[in-house]
mmCIF file of all heavy atoms, coordinates in Angstrom:
data_MODEL
# 
_entry.id   MODEL 
# 
loop_
_atom_site.group_PDB 
_atom_site.id 
_atom_site.type_symbol 
_atom_site.label_atom_id 
_atom_site.label_alt_id 
_atom_site.label_comp_id 
_atom_site.label_asym_id 
_atom_site.label_entity_id 
_atom_site.label_seq_id 
_atom_site.pdbx_PDB_ins_code 
_atom_site.Cartn_x 
_atom_site.Cartn_y 
_atom_site.Cartn_z 
_atom_site.occupancy 
_atom_site.B_iso_or_equiv 
_atom_site.pdbx_formal_charge 
_atom_site.auth_seq_id 
_atom_site.auth_comp_id 
_atom_site.auth_asym_id 
_atom_site.auth_atom_id 
_atom_site.pdbx_PDB_model_num 
ATOM 1   N N   . PHE A 1 1  ? -5.899  -10.912 0.869   1.00 0.00 ? 1  PHE A N   1 
ATOM 2   C CA  . PHE A 1 1  ? -4.920  -11.115 -0.196  1.00 0.00 ? 1  PHE A CA  1 
ATOM 3   C C   . PHE A 1 1  ? -3.654  -11.699 0.416   1.00 0.00 ? 1  PHE A C   1 
ATOM 4   O O   . PHE A 1 1  ? -3.212  -11.257 1.471   1.00 0.00 ? 1  PHE A O   1 
ATOM 5   C CB  . PHE A 1 1  ? -4.535  -9.790  -0.869  1.00 0.00 ? 1  PHE A CB  1 
ATOM 6   C CG  . PHE A 1 1  ? -5.570  -9.211  -1.784  1.00 0.00 ? 1  PHE A CG  1 
ATOM 7   C CD1 . PHE A 1 1  ? -6.035  -7.911  -1.597  1.00 0.00 ? 1  PHE A CD1 1 
ATOM 8   C CD2 . PHE A 1 1  ? -6.067  -9.935  -2.856  1.00 0.00 ? 1  PHE A CD2 1 
ATOM 9   C CE1 . PHE A 1 1  ? -6.972  -7.363  -2.441  1.00 0.00 ? 1  PHE A CE1 1 
ATOM 10  C CE2 . PHE A 1 1  ? -7.007  -9.392  -3.710  1.00 0.00 ? 1  PHE A CE2 1 
ATOM 11  C CZ  . PHE A 1 1  ? -7.463  -8.097  -3.504  1.00 0.00 ? 1  PHE A CZ  1 
ATOM 12  N N   . ILE A 1 2  ? -3.063  -12.662 -0.267  1.00 0.00 ? 2  ILE A N   1 
ATOM 13  C CA  . ILE A 1 2  ? -1.766  -13.205 0.127   1.00 0.00 ? 2  ILE A CA  1 
ATOM 14  C C   . ILE A 1 2  ? -0.870  -13.102 -1.097  1.00 0.00 ? 2  ILE A C   1 
ATOM 15  O O   . ILE A 1 2  ? -1.197  -13.640 -2.158  1.00 0.00 ? 2  ILE A O   1 
ATOM 16  C CB  . ILE A 1 2  ? -1.869  -14.676 0.590   1.00 0.00 ? 2  ILE A CB  1 
ATOM 17  C CG1 . ILE A 1 2  ? -2.832  -14.792 1.768   1.00 0.00 ? 2  ILE A CG1 1 
ATOM 18  C CG2 . ILE A 1 2  ? -0.488  -15.209 0.963   1.00 0.00 ? 2  ILE A CG2 1 
ATOM 19  C CD1 . ILE A 1 2  ? -3.153  -16.221 2.171   1.00 0.00 ? 2  ILE A CD1 1 
ATOM 20  N N   . GLY A 1 3  ? 0.238   -12.389 -0.952  1.00 0.00 ? 3  GLY A N   1 
ATOM 21  C CA  . GLY A 1 3  ? 1.129   -12.198 -2.085  1.00 0.00 ? 3  GLY A CA  1 
ATOM 22  C C   . GLY A 1 3  ? 2.551   -12.569 -1.734  1.00 0.00 ? 3  GLY A C   1 
ATOM 23  O O   . GLY A 1 3  ? 3.030   -12.264 -0.644  1.00 0.00 ? 3  GLY A O   1 
ATOM 24  N N   . HIS A 1 4  ? 3.230   -13.217 -2.676  1.00 0.00 ? 4  HIS A N   1 
ATOM 25  C CA  . HIS A 1 4  ? 4.614   -13.624 -2.488  1.00 0.00 ? 4  HIS A CA  1 
ATOM 26  C C   . HIS A 1 4  ? 5.513   -12.772 -3.373  1.00 0.00 ? 4  HIS A C   1 
ATOM 27  O O   . HIS A 1 4  ? 5.209   -12.540 -4.541  1.00 0.00 ? 4  HIS A O   1 
ATOM 28  C CB  . HIS A 1 4  ? 4.775   -15.100 -2.851  1.00 0.00 ? 4  HIS A CB  1 
ATOM 29  C CG  . HIS A 1 4  ? 6.189   -15.575 -2.836  1.00 0.00 ? 4  HIS A CG  1 
ATOM 30  N ND1 . HIS A 1 4  ? 6.860   -15.824 -1.669  1.00 0.00 ? 4  HIS A ND1 1 
ATOM 31  C CD2 . HIS A 1 4  ? 7.061   -15.810 -3.837  1.00 0.00 ? 4  HIS A CD2 1 
ATOM 32  C CE1 . HIS A 1 4  ? 8.089   -16.215 -1.953  1.00 0.00 ? 4  HIS A CE1 1 
ATOM 33  N NE2 . HIS A 1 4  ? 8.237   -16.217 -3.274  1.00 0.00 ? 4  HIS A NE2 1 
ATOM 34  N N   . SER A 1 5  ? 6.625   -12.291 -2.822  1.00 0.00 ? 5  SER A N   1 
ATOM 35  C CA  . SER A 1 5  ? 7.615   -11.523 -3.557  1.00 0.00 ? 5  SER A CA  1 
ATOM 36  C C   . SER A 1 5  ? 6.969   -10.253 -4.112  1.00 0.00 ? 5  SER A C   1 
ATOM 37  O O   . SER A 1 5  ? 6.371   -9.495  -3.356  1.00 0.00 ? 5  SER A O   1 
ATOM 38  C CB  . SER A 1 5  ? 8.233   -12.410 -4.647  1.00 0.00 ? 5  SER A CB  1 
ATOM 39  O OG  . SER A 1 5  ? 9.350   -11.818 -5.224  1.00 0.00 ? 5  SER A OG  1 
ATOM 40  N N   . LEU A 1 6  ? 7.063   -9.990  -5.410  1.00 0.00 ? 6  LEU A N   1 
ATOM 41  C CA  . LEU A 1 6  ? 6.402   -8.804  -5.971  1.00 0.00 ? 6  LEU A CA  1 
ATOM 42  C C   . LEU A 1 6  ? 4.887   -8.908  -5.836  1.00 0.00 ? 6  LEU A C   1 
ATOM 43  O O   . LEU A 1 6  ? 4.189   -7.897  -5.813  1.00 0.00 ? 6  LEU A O   1 
ATOM 44  C CB  . LEU A 1 6  ? 6.772   -8.624  -7.444  1.00 0.00 ? 6  LEU A CB  1 
ATOM 45  C CG  . LEU A 1 6  ? 8.077   -7.912  -7.737  1.00 0.00 ? 6  LEU A CG  1 
ATOM 46  C CD1 . LEU A 1 6  ? 8.309   -7.831  -9.250  1.00 0.00 ? 6  LEU A CD1 1 
ATOM 47  C CD2 . LEU A 1 6  ? 8.145   -6.541  -7.121  1.00 0.00 ? 6  LEU A CD2 1 
ATOM 48  N N   . GLY A 1 7  ? 4.378   -10.123 -5.710  1.00 0.00 ? 7  GLY A N   1 
ATOM 49  C CA  . GLY A 1 7  ? 2.940   -10.315 -5.510  1.00 0.00 ? 7  GLY A CA  1 
ATOM 50  C C   . GLY A 1 7  ? 2.447   -9.665  -4.227  1.00 0.00 ? 7  GLY A C   1 
ATOM 51  O O   . GLY A 1 7  ? 1.280   -9.268  -4.128  1.00 0.00 ? 7  GLY A O   1 
ATOM 52  N N   . ALA A 1 8  ? 3.320   -9.525  -3.228  1.00 0.00 ? 8  ALA A N   1 
ATOM 53  C CA  . ALA A 1 8  ? 2.944   -8.817  -2.002  1.00 0.00 ? 8  ALA A CA  1 
ATOM 54  C C   . ALA A 1 8  ? 2.620   -7.361  -2.323  1.00 0.00 ? 8  ALA A C   1 
ATOM 55  O O   . ALA A 1 8  ? 1.671   -6.782  -1.792  1.00 0.00 ? 8  ALA A O   1 
ATOM 56  C CB  . ALA A 1 8  ? 4.070   -8.901  -0.972  1.00 0.00 ? 8  ALA A CB  1 
ATOM 57  N N   . HIS A 1 9  ? 3.401   -6.772  -3.222  1.00 0.00 ? 9  HIS A N   1 
ATOM 58  C CA  . HIS A 1 9  ? 3.165   -5.376  -3.605  1.00 0.00 ? 9  HIS A CA  1 
ATOM 59  C C   . HIS A 1 9  ? 1.967   -5.253  -4.549  1.00 0.00 ? 9  HIS A C   1 
ATOM 60  O O   . HIS A 1 9  ? 1.294   -4.225  -4.558  1.00 0.00 ? 9  HIS A O   1 
ATOM 61  C CB  . HIS A 1 9  ? 4.433   -4.788  -4.214  1.00 0.00 ? 9  HIS A CB  1 
ATOM 62  C CG  . HIS A 1 9  ? 5.602   -4.868  -3.276  1.00 0.00 ? 9  HIS A CG  1 
ATOM 63  N ND1 . HIS A 1 9  ? 5.595   -4.262  -2.032  1.00 0.00 ? 9  HIS A ND1 1 
ATOM 64  C CD2 . HIS A 1 9  ? 6.779   -5.515  -3.380  1.00 0.00 ? 9  HIS A CD2 1 
ATOM 65  C CE1 . HIS A 1 9  ? 6.741   -4.527  -1.422  1.00 0.00 ? 9  HIS A CE1 1 
ATOM 66  N NE2 . HIS A 1 9  ? 7.468   -5.294  -2.216  1.00 0.00 ? 9  HIS A NE2 1 
ATOM 67  N N   . VAL A 1 10 ? 1.677   -6.311  -5.321  1.00 0.00 ? 10 VAL A N   1 
ATOM 68  C CA  . VAL A 1 10 ? 0.455   -6.341  -6.119  1.00 0.00 ? 10 VAL A CA  1 
ATOM 69  C C   . VAL A 1 10 ? -0.751  -6.262  -5.183  1.00 0.00 ? 10 VAL A C   1 
ATOM 70  O O   . VAL A 1 10 ? -1.683  -5.490  -5.406  1.00 0.00 ? 10 VAL A O   1 
ATOM 71  C CB  . VAL A 1 10 ? 0.379   -7.618  -6.992  1.00 0.00 ? 10 VAL A CB  1 
ATOM 72  C CG1 . VAL A 1 10 ? -1.021  -7.805  -7.562  1.00 0.00 ? 10 VAL A CG1 1 
ATOM 73  C CG2 . VAL A 1 10 ? 1.406   -7.573  -8.104  1.00 0.00 ? 10 VAL A CG2 1 
ATOM 74  N N   . ALA A 1 11 ? -0.726  -7.058  -4.118  1.00 0.00 ? 11 ALA A N   1 
ATOM 75  C CA  . ALA A 1 11 ? -1.814  -7.029  -3.127  1.00 0.00 ? 11 ALA A CA  1 
ATOM 76  C C   . ALA A 1 11 ? -1.918  -5.634  -2.514  1.00 0.00 ? 11 ALA A C   1 
ATOM 77  O O   . ALA A 1 11 ? -3.023  -5.115  -2.311  1.00 0.00 ? 11 ALA A O   1 
ATOM 78  C CB  . ALA A 1 11 ? -1.562  -8.076  -2.052  1.00 0.00 ? 11 ALA A CB  1 
ATOM 79  N N   . GLY A 1 12 ? -0.769  -5.030  -2.218  1.00 0.00 ? 12 GLY A N   1 
ATOM 80  C CA  . GLY A 1 12 ? -0.768  -3.673  -1.670  1.00 0.00 ? 12 GLY A CA  1 
ATOM 81  C C   . GLY A 1 12 ? -1.354  -2.668  -2.638  1.00 0.00 ? 12 GLY A C   1 
ATOM 82  O O   . GLY A 1 12 ? -2.102  -1.767  -2.243  1.00 0.00 ? 12 GLY A O   1 
ATOM 83  N N   . GLU A 1 13 ? -1.043  -2.805  -3.905  1.00 0.00 ? 13 GLU A N   1 
ATOM 84  C CA  . GLU A 1 13 ? -1.590  -1.902  -4.922  1.00 0.00 ? 13 GLU A CA  1 
ATOM 85  C C   . GLU A 1 13 ? -3.106  -2.046  -5.003  1.00 0.00 ? 13 GLU A C   1 
ATOM 86  O O   . GLU A 1 13 ? -3.834  -1.063  -5.086  1.00 0.00 ? 13 GLU A O   1 
ATOM 87  C CB  . GLU A 1 13 ? -0.955  -2.187  -6.287  1.00 0.00 ? 13 GLU A CB  1 
ATOM 88  C CG  . GLU A 1 13 ? -1.459  -1.323  -7.416  1.00 0.00 ? 13 GLU A CG  1 
ATOM 89  C CD  . GLU A 1 13 ? -1.094  0.149   -7.295  1.00 0.00 ? 13 GLU A CD  1 
ATOM 90  O OE1 . GLU A 1 13 ? -0.109  0.488   -6.606  1.00 0.00 ? 13 GLU A OE1 1 
ATOM 91  O OE2 . GLU A 1 13 ? -1.799  0.982   -7.904  1.00 0.00 ? 13 GLU A OE2 1 
ATOM 92  N N   . ALA A 1 14 ? -3.593  -3.287  -4.963  1.00 0.00 ? 14 ALA A N   1 
ATOM 93  C CA  . ALA A 1 14 ? -5.041  -3.518  -4.981  1.00 0.00 ? 14 ALA A CA  1 
ATOM 94  C C   . ALA A 1 14 ? -5.690  -2.887  -3.752  1.00 0.00 ? 14 ALA A C   1 
ATOM 95  O O   . ALA A 1 14 ? -6.737  -2.246  -3.851  1.00 0.00 ? 14 ALA A O   1 
ATOM 96  C CB  . ALA A 1 14 ? -5.334  -5.016  -5.038  1.00 0.00 ? 14 ALA A CB  1 
ATOM 97  N N   . GLY A 1 15 ? -5.058  -3.055  -2.593  1.00 0.00 ? 15 GLY A N   1 
ATOM 98  C CA  . GLY A 1 15 ? -5.595  -2.462  -1.376  1.00 0.00 ? 15 GLY A CA  1 
ATOM 99  C C   . GLY A 1 15 ? -5.547  -0.945  -1.373  1.00 0.00 ? 15 GLY A C   1 
ATOM 100 O O   . GLY A 1 15 ? -6.437  -0.283  -0.838  1.00 0.00 ? 15 GLY A O   1 
ATOM 101 N N   . ARG A 1 16 ? -4.536  -0.385  -1.978  1.00 0.00 ? 16 ARG A N   1 
ATOM 102 C CA  . ARG A 1 16 ? -4.416  1.074   -2.076  1.00 0.00 ? 16 ARG A CA  1 
ATOM 103 C C   . ARG A 1 16 ? -5.537  1.625   -2.959  1.00 0.00 ? 16 ARG A C   1 
ATOM 104 O O   . ARG A 1 16 ? -6.108  2.674   -2.696  1.00 0.00 ? 16 ARG A O   1 
ATOM 105 C CB  . ARG A 1 16 ? -3.049  1.412   -2.671  1.00 0.00 ? 16 ARG A CB  1 
ATOM 106 C CG  . ARG A 1 16 ? -2.587  2.805   -2.499  1.00 0.00 ? 16 ARG A CG  1 
ATOM 107 C CD  . ARG A 1 16 ? -1.117  3.048   -2.827  1.00 0.00 ? 16 ARG A CD  1 
ATOM 108 N NE  . ARG A 1 16 ? -0.332  1.995   -3.452  1.00 0.00 ? 16 ARG A NE  1 
ATOM 109 C CZ  . ARG A 1 16 ? 0.349   1.046   -2.791  1.00 0.00 ? 16 ARG A CZ  1 
ATOM 110 N NH1 . ARG A 1 16 ? 0.323   1.001   -1.473  1.00 0.00 ? 16 ARG A NH1 1 
ATOM 111 N NH2 . ARG A 1 16 ? 1.045   0.136   -3.440  1.00 0.00 ? 16 ARG A NH2 1 
ATOM 112 N N   . ARG A 1 17 ? -5.867  0.873   -4.008  1.00 0.00 ? 17 ARG A N   1 
ATOM 113 C CA  . ARG A 1 17 ? -6.911  1.307   -4.943  1.00 0.00 ? 17 ARG A CA  1 
ATOM 114 C C   . ARG A 1 17 ? -8.323  1.070   -4.384  1.00 0.00 ? 17 ARG A C   1 
ATOM 115 O O   . ARG A 1 17 ? -9.248  1.785   -4.739  1.00 0.00 ? 17 ARG A O   1 
ATOM 116 C CB  . ARG A 1 17 ? -6.770  0.562   -6.265  1.00 0.00 ? 17 ARG A CB  1 
ATOM 117 C CG  . ARG A 1 17 ? -5.552  0.962   -7.059  1.00 0.00 ? 17 ARG A CG  1 
ATOM 118 C CD  . ARG A 1 17 ? -5.352  0.026   -8.255  1.00 0.00 ? 17 ARG A CD  1 
ATOM 119 N NE  . ARG A 1 17 ? -4.301  0.480   -9.112  1.00 0.00 ? 17 ARG A NE  1 
ATOM 120 C CZ  . ARG A 1 17 ? -4.463  1.276   -10.156 1.00 0.00 ? 17 ARG A CZ  1 
ATOM 121 N NH1 . ARG A 1 17 ? -5.662  1.711   -10.469 1.00 0.00 ? 17 ARG A NH1 1 
ATOM 122 N NH2 . ARG A 1 17 ? -3.431  1.643   -10.887 1.00 0.00 ? 17 ARG A NH2 1 
ATOM 123 N N   . LYS A 1 18 ? -8.455  0.037   -3.565  1.00 0.00 ? 18 LYS A N   1 
ATOM 124 C CA  . LYS A 1 18 ? -9.778  -0.333  -3.043  1.00 0.00 ? 18 LYS A CA  1 
ATOM 125 C C   . LYS A 1 18 ? -9.734  -0.303  -1.516  1.00 0.00 ? 18 LYS A C   1 
ATOM 126 O O   . LYS A 1 18 ? -9.405  -1.296  -0.868  1.00 0.00 ? 18 LYS A O   1 
ATOM 127 C CB  . LYS A 1 18 ? -10.168 -1.735  -3.539  1.00 0.00 ? 18 LYS A CB  1 
ATOM 128 C CG  . LYS A 1 18 ? -11.530 -2.194  -3.069  1.00 0.00 ? 18 LYS A CG  1 
ATOM 129 C CD  . LYS A 1 18 ? -12.618 -1.323  -3.643  1.00 0.00 ? 18 LYS A CD  1 
ATOM 130 C CE  . LYS A 1 18 ? -13.992 -1.810  -3.209  1.00 0.00 ? 18 LYS A CE  1 
ATOM 131 N NZ  . LYS A 1 18 ? -15.038 -0.923  -3.688  1.00 0.00 ? 18 LYS A NZ  1 
ATOM 132 N N   . PRO A 1 19 ? -10.073 0.820   -0.918  1.00 0.00 ? 19 PRO A N   1 
ATOM 133 C CA  . PRO A 1 19 ? -10.064 0.906   0.544   1.00 0.00 ? 19 PRO A CA  1 
ATOM 134 C C   . PRO A 1 19 ? -11.027 -0.098  1.177   1.00 0.00 ? 19 PRO A C   1 
ATOM 135 O O   . PRO A 1 19 ? -12.049 -0.449  0.601   1.00 0.00 ? 19 PRO A O   1 
ATOM 136 C CB  . PRO A 1 19 ? -10.533 2.343   0.812   1.00 0.00 ? 19 PRO A CB  1 
ATOM 137 C CG  . PRO A 1 19 ? -10.262 3.083   -0.458  1.00 0.00 ? 19 PRO A CG  1 
ATOM 138 C CD  . PRO A 1 19 ? -10.442 2.069   -1.558  1.00 0.00 ? 19 PRO A CD  1 
ATOM 139 N N   . GLY A 1 20 ? -10.659 -0.568  2.358   1.00 0.00 ? 20 GLY A N   1 
ATOM 140 C CA  . GLY A 1 20 ? -11.534 -1.465  3.102   1.00 0.00 ? 20 GLY A CA  1 
ATOM 141 C C   . GLY A 1 20 ? -11.180 -2.931  3.006   1.00 0.00 ? 20 GLY A C   1 
ATOM 142 O O   . GLY A 1 20 ? -11.890 -3.775  3.574   1.00 0.00 ? 20 GLY A O   1 
ATOM 143 N N   . ILE A 1 21 ? -10.100 -3.283  2.294   1.00 0.00 ? 21 ILE A N   1 
ATOM 144 C CA  . ILE A 1 21 ? -9.676  -4.687  2.230   1.00 0.00 ? 21 ILE A CA  1 
ATOM 145 C C   . ILE A 1 21 ? -9.361  -5.150  3.649   1.00 0.00 ? 21 ILE A C   1 
ATOM 146 O O   . ILE A 1 21 ? -8.704  -4.447  4.409   1.00 0.00 ? 21 ILE A O   1 
ATOM 147 C CB  . ILE A 1 21 ? -8.430  -4.862  1.322   1.00 0.00 ? 21 ILE A CB  1 
ATOM 148 C CG1 . ILE A 1 21 ? -8.747  -4.445  -0.121  1.00 0.00 ? 21 ILE A CG1 1 
ATOM 149 C CG2 . ILE A 1 21 ? -7.882  -6.280  1.381   1.00 0.00 ? 21 ILE A CG2 1 
ATOM 150 C CD1 . ILE A 1 21 ? -9.775  -5.300  -0.825  1.00 0.00 ? 21 ILE A CD1 1 
ATOM 151 N N   . GLY A 1 22 ? -9.830  -6.339  4.002   1.00 0.00 ? 22 GLY A N   1 
ATOM 152 C CA  . GLY A 1 22 ? -9.680  -6.825  5.369   1.00 0.00 ? 22 GLY A CA  1 
ATOM 153 C C   . GLY A 1 22 ? -8.253  -7.126  5.782   1.00 0.00 ? 22 GLY A C   1 
ATOM 154 O O   . GLY A 1 22 ? -7.784  -6.689  6.828   1.00 0.00 ? 22 GLY A O   1 
ATOM 155 N N   . ARG A 1 23 ? -7.532  -7.874  4.946   1.00 0.00 ? 23 ARG A N   1 
ATOM 156 C CA  . ARG A 1 23 ? -6.191  -8.294  5.344   1.00 0.00 ? 23 ARG A CA  1 
ATOM 157 C C   . ARG A 1 23 ? -5.318  -8.552  4.123   1.00 0.00 ? 23 ARG A C   1 
ATOM 158 O O   . ARG A 1 23 ? -5.802  -9.034  3.104   1.00 0.00 ? 23 ARG A O   1 
ATOM 159 C CB  . ARG A 1 23 ? -6.274  -9.565  6.179   1.00 0.00 ? 23 ARG A CB  1 
ATOM 160 C CG  . ARG A 1 23 ? -4.937  -10.087 6.678   1.00 0.00 ? 23 ARG A CG  1 
ATOM 161 C CD  . ARG A 1 23 ? -5.115  -11.289 7.570   1.00 0.00 ? 23 ARG A CD  1 
ATOM 162 N NE  . ARG A 1 23 ? -3.829  -11.796 8.018   1.00 0.00 ? 23 ARG A NE  1 
ATOM 163 C CZ  . ARG A 1 23 ? -3.685  -12.871 8.772   1.00 0.00 ? 23 ARG A CZ  1 
ATOM 164 N NH1 . ARG A 1 23 ? -4.752  -13.560 9.159   1.00 0.00 ? 23 ARG A NH1 1 
ATOM 165 N NH2 . ARG A 1 23 ? -2.482  -13.279 9.138   1.00 0.00 ? 23 ARG A NH2 1 
ATOM 166 N N   . ILE A 1 24 ? -4.053  -8.225  4.272   1.00 0.00 ? 24 ILE A N   1 
ATOM 167 C CA  . ILE A 1 24 ? -3.045  -8.576  3.270   1.00 0.00 ? 24 ILE A CA  1 
ATOM 168 C C   . ILE A 1 24 ? -1.884  -9.232  4.001   1.00 0.00 ? 24 ILE A C   1 
ATOM 169 O O   . ILE A 1 24 ? -1.395  -8.708  4.998   1.00 0.00 ? 24 ILE A O   1 
ATOM 170 C CB  . ILE A 1 24 ? -2.532  -7.344  2.500   1.00 0.00 ? 24 ILE A CB  1 
ATOM 171 C CG1 . ILE A 1 24 ? -3.662  -6.690  1.694   1.00 0.00 ? 24 ILE A CG1 1 
ATOM 172 C CG2 . ILE A 1 24 ? -1.371  -7.738  1.574   1.00 0.00 ? 24 ILE A CG2 1 
ATOM 173 C CD1 . ILE A 1 24 ? -3.264  -5.395  1.004   1.00 0.00 ? 24 ILE A CD1 1 
ATOM 174 N N   . THR A 1 25 ? -1.485  -10.393 3.494   1.00 0.00 ? 25 THR A N   1 
ATOM 175 C CA  . THR A 1 25 ? -0.287  -11.062 4.002   1.00 0.00 ? 25 THR A CA  1 
ATOM 176 C C   . THR A 1 25 ? 0.749   -11.048 2.888   1.00 0.00 ? 25 THR A C   1 
ATOM 177 O O   . THR A 1 25 ? 0.477   -11.518 1.782   1.00 0.00 ? 25 THR A O   1 
ATOM 178 C CB  . THR A 1 25 ? -0.590  -12.519 4.411   1.00 0.00 ? 25 THR A CB  1 
ATOM 179 O OG1 . THR A 1 25 ? -1.568  -12.508 5.461   1.00 0.00 ? 25 THR A OG1 1 
ATOM 180 C CG2 . THR A 1 25 ? 0.676   -13.220 4.896   1.00 0.00 ? 25 THR A CG2 1 
ATOM 181 N N   . GLY A 1 26 ? 1.909   -10.514 3.197   1.00 0.00 ? 26 GLY A N   1 
ATOM 182 C CA  . GLY A 1 26 ? 3.011   -10.495 2.240   1.00 0.00 ? 26 GLY A CA  1 
ATOM 183 C C   . GLY A 1 26 ? 4.088   -11.458 2.689   1.00 0.00 ? 26 GLY A C   1 
ATOM 184 O O   . GLY A 1 26 ? 4.529   -11.409 3.835   1.00 0.00 ? 26 GLY A O   1 
ATOM 185 N N   . THR A 1 27 ? 4.475   -12.363 1.803   1.00 0.00 ? 27 THR A N   1 
ATOM 186 C CA  . THR A 1 27 ? 5.567   -13.280 2.134   1.00 0.00 ? 27 THR A CA  1 
ATOM 187 C C   . THR A 1 27 ? 6.752   -12.955 1.243   1.00 0.00 ? 27 THR A C   1 
ATOM 188 O O   . THR A 1 27 ? 6.600   -12.774 0.044   1.00 0.00 ? 27 THR A O   1 
ATOM 189 C CB  . THR A 1 27 ? 5.161   -14.754 1.929   1.00 0.00 ? 27 THR A CB  1 
ATOM 190 O OG1 . THR A 1 27 ? 4.885   -14.992 0.560   1.00 0.00 ? 27 THR A OG1 1 
ATOM 191 C CG2 . THR A 1 27 ? 3.943   -15.103 2.772   1.00 0.00 ? 27 THR A CG2 1 
ATOM 192 N N   . GLU A 1 28 ? 7.908   -12.868 1.869   1.00 0.00 ? 28 GLU A N   1 
ATOM 193 C CA  . GLU A 1 28 ? 9.145   -12.584 1.153   1.00 0.00 ? 28 GLU A CA  1 
ATOM 194 C C   . GLU A 1 28 ? 8.999   -11.357 0.262   1.00 0.00 ? 28 GLU A C   1 
ATOM 195 O O   . GLU A 1 28 ? 9.358   -11.365 -0.912  1.00 0.00 ? 28 GLU A O   1 
ATOM 196 C CB  . GLU A 1 28 ? 9.551   -13.801 0.314   1.00 0.00 ? 28 GLU A CB  1 
ATOM 197 C CG  . GLU A 1 28 ? 11.035  -13.934 0.141   1.00 0.00 ? 28 GLU A CG  1 
ATOM 198 C CD  . GLU A 1 28 ? 11.399  -15.257 -0.490  1.00 0.00 ? 28 GLU A CD  1 
ATOM 199 O OE1 . GLU A 1 28 ? 11.227  -16.287 0.166   1.00 0.00 ? 28 GLU A OE1 1 
ATOM 200 O OE2 . GLU A 1 28 ? 11.843  -15.236 -1.642  1.00 0.00 ? 28 GLU A OE2 1 
ATOM 201 N N   . ALA A 1 29 ? 8.443   -10.288 0.854   1.00 0.00 ? 29 ALA A N   1 
ATOM 202 C CA  . ALA A 1 29 ? 8.278   -9.042  0.092   1.00 0.00 ? 29 ALA A CA  1 
ATOM 203 C C   . ALA A 1 29 ? 9.623   -8.610  -0.457  1.00 0.00 ? 29 ALA A C   1 
ATOM 204 O O   . ALA A 1 29 ? 10.627  -8.616  0.239   1.00 0.00 ? 29 ALA A O   1 
ATOM 205 C CB  . ALA A 1 29 ? 7.687   -7.961  0.989   1.00 0.00 ? 29 ALA A CB  1 
# 
């Protein structure tokens, strides 16, 4: 997942709900 701004936290929420996500990149969190 790659998320920008609040989208970084959207990616984090998805990862929190679904364990095992390989990678999340947050830009300008």
